[in-house]
Amino acid sequence: MRTLPALVLALVAFAPAIAADNPFAKHGRIRVAKSGTHLEHTDGTPFFFLADTCWTGPALSSEKDWQTYLADRVKKGFTAIQFNMASPWRTAPTDAEGNISYVLTDGKLTLNEKFYTRLDARFKAINDAGLLAVPVLCWAHKKGDAGKELNEAQLTDLCKLEVARYKGAHVLWILAGDNQYKGDDMAMWKRIGRAVFGDKPDAPVTTHPTGENFPWKDWEDEKWLTVLGYQSGHGDSDKTLKWLTSGPPAEYGKRKEFTRPVINLEPPYEGHNGYSSKKPHTDYTVRRAIYWSLLVHPPAGFTYGGHGVWSWHAKPGEEPTDHKGSGVAKVWSEAIDLPGAKQLKHVRTLTESVKWTDLRPAPDAVKQNGATPDQIAVCAKTKDRVYVAYFPAGSPAQVTADVGGNIHNFRWFNPANGEWTTRWLKLDRYEPGSFMPGVDGDRILVVKP
């Protein structure tokens, strides 16, 4: 069995042969922008991170089905695919051929070539489709996950080998999945991150914490961690809603300066049962979490999840493996067409209508007027005093924007169907209540001088 250094040297840099019209060919690799708020290509073109969660897809899909899935996600406006890179993990203990990611010989870890040959093809297909690959190097939540079965030295070797194998890919790395990052675990994953990526990783790096967990105050000195990920999760209680609109993500958004983009890597999955109500999350509750997470801190993007897609579900009438209580999932080929997935292209329509990279939270521009936790309106503005505000359904809140002068130009956007009011409306004099949607569904307001 080859030693780790010899195997690393034997690996060939991963270099997908992408077409000339591919965004990576046109604009270059992905990096963190100098503002510390979002991602961009090396030529300075902003990259809006709109990822789909397909944790087990690479391990379980056929080549034909994978191509069908990627073509669908490109058509729907996604820019990235988020997936789990290693098995075992609880929902995919092995790949479709029964392989796990590694071989242990006298405690020494090497990669299982059968597993990674399959993954090579799936990984390359993501980049060839013009999509950013967002792999979790190792899931680390509980027993049955590789991140809990291997020791620190073995985990370090596994992650190093994976990063070396795909060096040259268009990627945002996620070090570990669903860990609490507390106590000894936090210290261990910090050490692994330093060992794998060093001080200057050649691609953006984040890691994936458990739900409603924002541990990053203690990670300021971790130079390898260039993006702060979090998951608002699948809860639907008032406590969960408040965590997103006024908790740690929103507190981070109040900073004067930013060093790292912040991305909600796991809002509620559409079709997944809410933890409190035990009812499936709808396109509306998913949409609400997405817009909240885009406006409570500087927007970099977000990750969507569809129940049945994330688990690459193949048998109807079942819950995903080892996720009891999450609810019966559609098979993946049906779940790709959940209503919320079709609506995500409207997020890009909205963000591309303004200079979204300049948006900063403007909580003082909103009067909540007694809004309940599910009705909280959020607002952000640019240096040019363009305001973007999201109003959940039935919200009594109002925007009290002062954009300068006596003329206010405003327009309403429907995030469910992507329709704008037909024209910019002018308000000669601001009056209380002018900037309220006055409709039953959720709406977005754009106000400019």
Protein backbone atom coordinates (compact mmCIF):
# COMPACT_ATOMS: atom_id res chain seq x y z
CA MET A 1 0.00 0.00 0.00
CA ARG A 2 1.43 3.39 -0.95
CA THR A 3 2.13 5.97 1.72
CA LEU A 4 0.16 9.22 1.80
CA PRO A 5 2.89 11.47 0.26
CA ALA A 6 3.49 9.02 -2.60
CA LEU A 7 -0.21 8.76 -3.37
CA VAL A 8 -0.63 12.53 -3.36
CA LEU A 9 2.24 12.87 -5.82
CA ALA A 10 0.63 10.25 -8.06
CA LEU A 11 -2.61 12.15 -8.37
CA VAL A 12 -3.21 14.20 -11.49
CA ALA A 13 -4.71 17.66 -11.01
CA PHE A 14 -8.41 17.67 -11.83
CA ALA A 15 -8.86 19.86 -14.91
CA PRO A 16 -12.33 19.77 -16.46
CA ALA A 17 -12.42 20.46 -20.21
CA ILE A 18 -15.03 23.19 -20.16
CA ALA A 19 -16.59 24.86 -23.19
CA ALA A 20 -15.71 28.41 -24.23
CA ASP A 21 -19.13 29.73 -23.17
CA ASN A 22 -18.80 28.19 -19.72
CA PRO A 23 -18.73 30.98 -17.07
CA PHE A 24 -15.48 29.65 -15.64
CA ALA A 25 -13.83 29.76 -19.06
CA LYS A 26 -15.13 33.29 -19.64
CA HIS A 27 -14.48 34.79 -16.21
CA GLY A 28 -12.08 32.54 -14.32
CA ARG A 29 -12.09 30.72 -11.00
CA ILE A 30 -14.09 31.66 -7.94
CA ARG A 31 -12.62 33.65 -5.05
CA VAL A 32 -13.79 35.90 -2.20
CA ALA A 33 -14.20 39.53 -3.31
CA LYS A 34 -12.10 42.23 -1.64
CA SER A 35 -15.20 43.57 0.11
CA GLY A 36 -15.41 40.31 2.07
CA THR A 37 -19.14 40.10 1.36
CA HIS A 38 -19.57 37.88 -1.71
CA LEU A 39 -17.87 35.64 -4.23
CA GLU A 40 -16.52 36.67 -7.61
CA HIS A 41 -14.60 35.31 -10.59
CA THR A 42 -10.93 36.19 -10.97
CA ASP A 43 -11.81 38.87 -13.55
CA GLY A 44 -13.97 40.61 -10.92
CA THR A 45 -17.35 39.45 -12.24
CA PRO A 46 -19.66 38.85 -9.23
CA PHE A 47 -20.76 35.25 -8.67
CA PHE A 48 -24.20 34.81 -7.10
CA PHE A 49 -24.13 31.55 -5.15
CA LEU A 50 -27.40 29.72 -5.82
CA ALA A 51 -26.78 26.10 -4.89
CA ASP A 52 -28.95 23.02 -4.95
CA THR A 53 -28.61 20.40 -2.23
CA CYS A 54 -27.96 16.96 -3.66
CA TRP A 55 -26.07 15.31 -0.85
CA THR A 56 -26.24 11.72 -2.12
CA GLY A 57 -26.65 12.32 -5.86
CA PRO A 58 -23.04 11.66 -6.95
CA ALA A 59 -22.90 8.42 -4.95
CA LEU A 60 -26.25 6.98 -6.03
CA SER A 61 -27.09 8.39 -9.48
CA SER A 62 -26.56 6.78 -12.85
CA GLU A 63 -24.55 8.80 -15.36
CA LYS A 64 -27.66 9.40 -17.51
CA ASP A 65 -29.78 10.51 -14.53
CA TRP A 66 -27.01 12.80 -13.32
CA GLN A 67 -26.91 14.56 -16.69
CA THR A 68 -30.71 14.93 -16.62
CA TYR A 69 -30.52 16.44 -13.14
CA LEU A 70 -27.75 18.90 -14.00
CA ALA A 71 -29.52 20.07 -17.17
CA ASP A 72 -32.63 20.74 -15.11
CA ARG A 73 -30.72 22.75 -12.51
CA VAL A 74 -29.01 24.86 -15.18
CA LYS A 75 -32.40 25.55 -16.77
CA LYS A 76 -33.83 26.63 -13.41
CA GLY A 77 -31.02 29.14 -12.80
CA PHE A 78 -28.86 27.36 -10.25
CA THR A 79 -25.16 28.24 -10.20
CA ALA A 80 -23.80 25.53 -7.86
CA ILE A 81 -24.37 21.95 -6.69
CA GLN A 82 -23.82 21.06 -3.03
CA PHE A 83 -23.11 17.39 -2.30
CA ASN A 84 -21.53 14.96 0.13
CA MET A 85 -18.20 13.64 -1.09
CA ALA A 86 -17.55 10.67 1.20
CA SER A 87 -19.32 7.52 2.28
CA PRO A 88 -20.15 6.16 4.73
CA TRP A 89 -22.72 8.63 5.89
CA ARG A 90 -26.12 7.79 7.27
CA THR A 91 -28.22 8.33 4.13
CA ALA A 92 -25.68 6.75 1.76
CA PRO A 93 -23.57 4.20 3.65
CA THR A 94 -22.05 3.23 0.27
CA ASP A 95 -22.28 4.30 -3.35
CA ALA A 96 -24.59 2.51 -5.82
CA GLU A 97 -21.98 -0.24 -6.33
CA GLY A 98 -21.51 -0.84 -2.61
CA ASN A 99 -18.21 1.03 -2.26
CA ILE A 100 -17.11 3.31 0.56
CA SER A 101 -14.58 6.12 0.16
CA TYR A 102 -11.50 4.67 1.78
CA VAL A 103 -9.49 1.60 2.66
CA LEU A 104 -7.94 1.19 6.10
CA THR A 105 -4.84 -1.01 6.35
CA ASP A 106 -3.33 -1.25 9.82
CA GLY A 107 -5.03 2.06 10.60
CA LYS A 108 -3.58 3.80 7.54
CA LEU A 109 -6.11 5.39 5.19
CA THR A 110 -5.98 5.38 1.39
CA LEU A 111 -8.68 6.29 -1.12
CA ASN A 112 -10.87 3.60 -2.66
CA GLU A 113 -10.32 4.12 -6.38
CA LYS A 114 -13.60 2.43 -7.30
CA PHE A 115 -15.53 5.00 -5.28
CA TYR A 116 -13.61 8.03 -6.58
CA THR A 117 -13.63 6.96 -10.22
CA ARG A 118 -17.42 7.26 -10.07
CA LEU A 119 -17.14 10.57 -8.24
CA ASP A 120 -14.63 11.89 -10.80
CA ALA A 121 -17.26 11.66 -13.54
CA ARG A 122 -20.03 13.27 -11.45
CA PHE A 123 -17.70 16.05 -10.26
CA LYS A 124 -16.48 16.81 -13.78
CA ALA A 125 -20.06 16.89 -15.12
CA ILE A 126 -20.93 19.63 -12.59
CA ASN A 127 -18.14 21.92 -13.82
CA ASP A 128 -18.77 21.03 -17.47
CA ALA A 129 -22.36 22.24 -16.97
CA GLY A 130 -21.03 25.63 -15.82
CA LEU A 131 -21.89 24.95 -12.17
CA LEU A 132 -19.68 25.39 -9.12
CA ALA A 133 -19.01 22.16 -7.23
CA VAL A 134 -19.64 22.46 -3.47
CA PRO A 135 -18.53 19.18 -1.87
CA VAL A 136 -18.54 18.28 1.81
CA LEU A 137 -15.25 16.47 2.37
CA CYS A 138 -16.60 14.42 5.26
CA TRP A 139 -19.94 14.25 7.08
CA ALA A 140 -19.43 14.46 10.83
CA HIS A 141 -22.74 14.49 12.68
CA LYS A 142 -23.15 11.16 14.47
CA LYS A 143 -22.37 7.44 14.45
CA GLY A 144 -22.43 6.06 10.94
CA ASP A 145 -20.79 9.13 9.41
CA ALA A 146 -17.16 8.86 8.32
CA GLY A 147 -16.42 11.98 10.35
CA LYS A 148 -17.32 10.09 13.51
CA GLU A 149 -15.87 6.71 12.56
CA LEU A 150 -12.32 7.87 11.71
CA ASN A 151 -9.72 9.35 14.03
CA GLU A 152 -8.15 12.78 13.52
CA ALA A 153 -5.12 11.52 11.58
CA GLN A 154 -7.33 9.45 9.27
CA LEU A 155 -9.73 12.34 8.71
CA THR A 156 -6.85 14.64 7.89
CA ASP A 157 -5.50 12.12 5.36
CA LEU A 158 -8.96 11.64 3.80
CA CYS A 159 -9.56 15.37 3.39
CA LYS A 160 -6.04 16.03 2.07
CA LEU A 161 -6.38 13.28 -0.52
CA GLU A 162 -9.77 14.54 -1.67
CA VAL A 163 -8.56 18.12 -2.04
CA ALA A 164 -5.44 16.97 -3.89
CA ARG A 165 -7.45 14.79 -6.25
CA TYR A 166 -9.70 17.66 -7.35
CA LYS A 167 -7.10 20.41 -7.38
CA GLY A 168 -7.93 22.58 -10.38
CA ALA A 169 -11.70 22.05 -10.15
CA HIS A 170 -14.09 24.98 -9.87
CA VAL A 171 -15.10 24.49 -6.29
CA LEU A 172 -16.08 25.84 -2.89
CA TRP A 173 -14.97 23.33 -0.27
CA ILE A 174 -17.07 22.42 2.79
CA LEU A 175 -14.76 20.80 5.32
CA ALA A 176 -17.27 18.85 7.42
CA GLY A 177 -21.04 18.43 7.57
CA ASP A 178 -23.47 18.92 10.43
CA ASN A 179 -20.97 19.19 13.27
CA GLN A 180 -21.68 21.32 16.35
CA TYR A 181 -18.06 22.59 16.45
CA LYS A 182 -17.94 22.73 20.22
CA GLY A 183 -15.24 21.77 22.68
CA ASP A 184 -12.90 19.01 21.49
CA ASP A 185 -14.69 18.71 18.15
CA MET A 186 -14.16 22.40 17.41
CA ALA A 187 -10.47 22.18 18.24
CA MET A 188 -10.05 19.05 16.12
CA TRP A 189 -11.72 20.46 13.01
CA LYS A 190 -9.70 23.65 13.31
CA ARG A 191 -6.52 21.55 13.30
CA ILE A 192 -7.75 19.53 10.33
CA GLY A 193 -8.64 22.70 8.44
CA ARG A 194 -5.17 24.14 8.96
CA ALA A 195 -3.51 20.88 7.93
CA VAL A 196 -5.62 20.47 4.77
CA PHE A 197 -5.79 24.06 3.48
CA GLY A 198 -2.97 26.03 5.12
CA ASP A 199 -3.21 29.81 5.37
CA LYS A 200 -3.99 30.46 1.69
CA PRO A 201 -6.39 27.93 0.16
CA ASP A 202 -6.60 28.10 -3.64
CA ALA A 203 -10.42 28.01 -3.55
CA PRO A 204 -13.01 29.30 -1.06
CA VAL A 205 -13.53 27.14 2.05
CA THR A 206 -16.35 26.93 4.56
CA THR A 207 -17.77 24.31 6.88
CA HIS A 208 -21.32 23.24 7.68
CA PRO A 209 -22.62 23.49 11.26
CA THR A 210 -25.75 22.01 12.80
CA GLY A 211 -29.02 23.95 12.67
CA GLU A 212 -29.33 27.33 14.40
CA ASN A 213 -25.63 27.27 15.19
CA PHE A 214 -23.32 30.18 14.34
CA PRO A 215 -20.03 29.34 16.08
CA TRP A 216 -17.79 31.65 14.07
CA LYS A 217 -16.88 34.18 16.78
CA ASP A 218 -14.24 31.68 17.91
CA TRP A 219 -12.89 31.14 14.37
CA GLU A 220 -11.68 34.65 13.49
CA ASP A 221 -8.04 33.51 13.39
CA GLU A 222 -8.68 30.53 11.10
CA LYS A 223 -7.25 31.93 7.87
CA TRP A 224 -8.26 28.88 5.83
CA LEU A 225 -11.95 29.50 6.62
CA THR A 226 -12.80 32.09 3.98
CA VAL A 227 -16.63 31.76 3.94
CA LEU A 228 -18.98 31.52 6.94
CA GLY A 229 -21.69 28.95 6.39
CA TYR A 230 -24.71 28.27 8.58
CA GLN A 231 -28.02 26.46 8.43
CA SER A 232 -31.23 28.02 9.64
CA GLY A 233 -32.56 24.47 9.39
CA HIS A 234 -35.96 22.83 9.12
CA GLY A 235 -37.62 24.15 12.24
CA ASP A 236 -40.76 26.30 11.99
CA SER A 237 -41.25 27.51 15.56
CA ASP A 238 -41.20 31.20 16.50
CA LYS A 239 -37.80 30.58 18.10
CA THR A 240 -36.36 29.32 14.81
CA LEU A 241 -37.81 32.20 12.81
CA LYS A 242 -36.40 34.74 15.26
CA TRP A 243 -32.99 33.06 15.11
CA LEU A 244 -32.75 33.94 11.44
CA THR A 245 -34.27 37.43 11.48
CA SER A 246 -32.70 38.77 14.68
CA GLY A 247 -30.20 36.14 15.85
CA PRO A 248 -26.50 35.59 15.02
CA PRO A 249 -26.76 35.94 11.20
CA ALA A 250 -28.51 39.31 11.61
CA GLU A 251 -26.07 40.38 14.31
CA TYR A 252 -23.18 39.63 11.96
CA GLY A 253 -24.93 41.79 9.37
CA LYS A 254 -24.63 44.83 11.65
CA ARG A 255 -20.85 44.94 11.33
CA LYS A 256 -19.18 47.98 9.85
CA GLU A 257 -16.66 45.87 7.93
CA PHE A 258 -16.78 42.30 6.68
CA THR A 259 -13.98 39.80 6.20
CA ARG A 260 -15.95 36.78 4.98
CA PRO A 261 -19.13 36.18 2.96
CA VAL A 262 -22.00 34.59 4.92
CA ILE A 263 -24.19 31.94 3.26
CA ASN A 264 -27.21 30.01 4.54
CA LEU A 265 -26.16 26.53 3.41
CA GLU A 266 -29.35 24.86 4.64
CA PRO A 267 -32.63 26.77 4.86
CA PRO A 268 -35.69 24.53 5.26
CA TYR A 269 -36.02 21.92 2.55
CA GLU A 270 -39.18 22.17 0.49
CA GLY A 271 -41.41 19.17 1.31
CA HIS A 272 -39.46 18.32 4.50
CA ASN A 273 -41.59 18.28 7.65
CA GLY A 274 -41.17 21.27 9.95
CA TYR A 275 -39.86 20.23 13.34
CA SER A 276 -42.70 21.88 15.27
CA SER A 277 -45.74 21.69 13.00
CA LYS A 278 -44.85 18.26 11.54
CA LYS A 279 -46.19 19.61 8.26
CA PRO A 280 -44.15 19.89 5.04
CA HIS A 281 -42.39 23.15 4.32
CA THR A 282 -44.03 24.87 1.37
CA ASP A 283 -42.52 26.92 -1.42
CA TYR A 284 -43.62 30.00 0.54
CA THR A 285 -41.91 29.09 3.85
CA VAL A 286 -38.75 28.15 1.97
CA ARG A 287 -38.90 31.38 -0.06
CA ARG A 288 -39.37 33.44 3.10
CA ALA A 289 -36.27 31.90 4.72
CA ILE A 290 -34.25 32.52 1.56
CA TYR A 291 -35.10 36.22 1.30
CA TRP A 292 -34.59 36.72 5.01
CA SER A 293 -31.13 35.16 4.75
CA LEU A 294 -30.24 37.35 1.77
CA LEU A 295 -31.12 40.64 3.45
CA VAL A 296 -30.17 40.29 7.14
CA HIS A 297 -26.48 40.21 6.19
CA PRO A 298 -24.69 41.21 2.97
CA PRO A 299 -25.99 38.86 0.25
CA ALA A 300 -23.64 36.28 -1.22
CA GLY A 301 -26.26 33.68 -2.11
CA PHE A 302 -27.92 30.65 -0.52
CA THR A 303 -28.55 26.94 -0.89
CA TYR A 304 -31.96 25.45 -1.74
CA GLY A 305 -33.05 21.94 -0.80
CA GLY A 306 -35.87 19.77 -2.15
CA HIS A 307 -37.06 16.77 -0.12
CA GLY A 308 -36.25 13.77 -2.28
CA VAL A 309 -33.50 15.48 -4.25
CA TRP A 310 -31.06 15.85 -1.34
CA SER A 311 -31.38 12.10 -0.61
CA TRP A 312 -31.56 11.07 -4.30
CA HIS A 313 -34.75 9.22 -3.40
CA ALA A 314 -35.57 6.31 -5.70
CA LYS A 315 -38.47 4.50 -3.99
CA PRO A 316 -41.86 6.24 -3.61
CA GLY A 317 -43.70 6.25 -0.31
CA GLU A 318 -40.66 6.26 1.99
CA GLU A 319 -38.76 8.63 4.24
CA PRO A 320 -35.05 9.16 3.53
CA THR A 321 -32.74 6.64 5.22
CA ASP A 322 -32.11 7.41 8.90
CA HIS A 323 -34.18 10.59 8.79
CA LYS A 324 -37.31 9.45 10.57
CA GLY A 325 -39.92 12.18 10.93
CA SER A 326 -38.70 14.18 7.93
CA GLY A 327 -41.71 13.02 5.93
CA VAL A 328 -42.30 10.84 2.90
CA ALA A 329 -40.17 12.10 0.03
CA LYS A 330 -40.93 12.27 -3.68
CA VAL A 331 -38.53 10.37 -5.92
CA TRP A 332 -35.76 12.66 -7.12
CA SER A 333 -37.06 12.89 -10.70
CA GLU A 334 -40.35 14.32 -9.41
CA ALA A 335 -38.85 16.38 -6.59
CA ILE A 336 -36.70 18.41 -9.00
CA ASP A 337 -39.93 20.11 -10.10
CA LEU A 338 -41.17 21.22 -6.68
CA PRO A 339 -42.73 24.72 -6.98
CA GLY A 340 -40.02 26.45 -4.97
CA ALA A 341 -37.25 25.17 -7.24
CA LYS A 342 -38.99 26.75 -10.22
CA GLN A 343 -39.20 30.08 -8.39
CA LEU A 344 -35.49 30.42 -7.67
CA LYS A 345 -34.76 31.99 -11.04
CA HIS A 346 -36.83 34.94 -9.77
CA VAL A 347 -34.27 35.50 -7.00
CA ARG A 348 -31.67 36.14 -9.67
CA THR A 349 -34.09 38.40 -11.57
CA LEU A 350 -34.48 40.52 -8.45
CA THR A 351 -30.82 40.63 -7.40
CA GLU A 352 -29.62 41.38 -10.92
CA SER A 353 -32.04 44.34 -11.08
CA VAL A 354 -29.96 46.18 -8.46
CA LYS A 355 -26.28 46.38 -7.55
CA TRP A 356 -26.68 43.46 -5.16
CA THR A 357 -23.01 43.35 -4.16
CA ASP A 358 -23.46 46.78 -2.53
CA LEU A 359 -26.52 45.81 -0.47
CA ARG A 360 -26.07 46.11 3.30
CA PRO A 361 -28.67 45.44 6.00
CA ALA A 362 -30.86 48.43 6.87
CA PRO A 363 -33.00 47.23 9.80
CA ASP A 364 -33.74 50.80 10.91
CA ALA A 365 -35.56 51.43 7.61
CA VAL A 366 -38.38 49.07 8.65
CA LYS A 367 -41.16 49.65 11.19
CA GLN A 368 -42.55 46.25 12.14
CA ASN A 369 -45.86 47.61 13.53
CA GLY A 370 -46.45 44.56 15.71
CA ALA A 371 -45.46 41.93 13.14
CA THR A 372 -45.41 38.38 14.48
CA PRO A 373 -42.22 36.29 14.02
CA ASP A 374 -43.53 34.86 10.74
CA GLN A 375 -44.30 38.37 9.41
CA ILE A 376 -41.01 40.17 10.04
CA ALA A 377 -39.99 42.41 7.14
CA VAL A 378 -36.28 42.81 6.36
CA CYS A 379 -34.53 45.50 4.36
CA ALA A 380 -31.13 46.28 2.83
CA LYS A 381 -29.83 49.28 0.94
CA THR A 382 -26.93 50.28 -1.32
CA LYS A 383 -24.58 53.26 -1.04
CA ASP A 384 -26.70 54.91 -3.74
CA ARG A 385 -29.70 54.66 -1.42
CA VAL A 386 -31.51 51.96 -3.30
CA TYR A 387 -33.65 49.97 -0.85
CA VAL A 388 -34.74 46.34 -1.19
CA ALA A 389 -37.29 45.11 1.36
CA TYR A 390 -38.96 41.72 1.75
CA PHE A 391 -42.47 41.55 3.23
CA PRO A 392 -43.81 38.12 4.29
CA ALA A 393 -47.48 37.38 3.67
CA GLY A 394 -49.76 39.51 5.84
CA SER A 395 -46.93 41.60 7.26
CA PRO A 396 -48.11 44.90 8.80
CA ALA A 397 -44.58 46.32 8.54
CA GLN A 398 -43.67 49.32 6.43
CA VAL A 399 -40.49 50.77 4.99
CA THR A 400 -39.76 54.34 6.03
CA ALA A 401 -37.02 54.97 3.51
CA ASP A 402 -35.63 58.45 3.06
CA VAL A 403 -33.92 58.28 -0.31
CA GLY A 404 -33.33 62.02 -0.56
CA GLY A 405 -35.29 64.74 -2.31
CA ASN A 406 -39.03 64.78 -2.72
CA ILE A 407 -39.35 62.14 -5.43
CA HIS A 408 -39.41 58.45 -4.56
CA ASN A 409 -39.41 55.83 -7.32
CA PHE A 410 -40.69 52.46 -6.24
CA ARG A 411 -41.71 49.16 -7.73
CA TRP A 412 -43.15 45.93 -6.34
CA PHE A 413 -41.87 42.44 -7.20
CA ASN A 414 -43.76 39.17 -6.74
CA PRO A 415 -41.19 36.51 -5.72
CA ALA A 416 -43.61 33.67 -6.44
CA ASN A 417 -44.01 34.41 -10.16
CA GLY A 418 -41.25 36.91 -10.93
CA GLU A 419 -43.62 39.66 -12.03
CA TRP A 420 -42.96 43.36 -11.43
CA THR A 421 -45.54 46.08 -11.26
CA THR A 422 -45.73 47.35 -14.81
CA ARG A 423 -43.72 50.50 -14.26
CA TRP A 424 -41.81 52.55 -11.73
CA LEU A 425 -44.24 54.56 -9.63
CA LYS A 426 -43.38 58.03 -8.40
CA LEU A 427 -44.33 59.36 -5.01
CA ASP A 428 -44.01 63.14 -4.79
CA ARG A 429 -44.17 63.16 -1.02
CA TYR A 430 -43.61 60.24 1.34
CA GLU A 431 -46.60 59.40 3.51
CA PRO A 432 -46.75 56.76 6.25
CA GLY A 433 -48.04 53.50 4.84
CA SER A 434 -47.00 54.28 1.29
CA PHE A 435 -44.45 51.49 1.23
CA MET A 436 -46.66 48.60 2.36
CA PRO A 437 -47.64 45.78 -0.01
CA GLY A 438 -51.35 45.71 0.81
CA VAL A 439 -51.70 42.14 -0.52
CA ASP A 440 -52.07 38.67 0.99
CA GLY A 441 -48.93 37.11 -0.50
CA ASP A 442 -45.30 38.02 0.08
CA ARG A 443 -43.85 40.90 -1.91
CA ILE A 444 -40.54 42.69 -2.39
CA LEU A 445 -40.21 46.47 -2.58
CA VAL A 446 -37.46 48.27 -4.47
CA VAL A 447 -37.16 52.02 -3.75
CA LYS A 448 -34.66 54.36 -5.40
CA PRO A 449 -34.09 58.14 -5.64
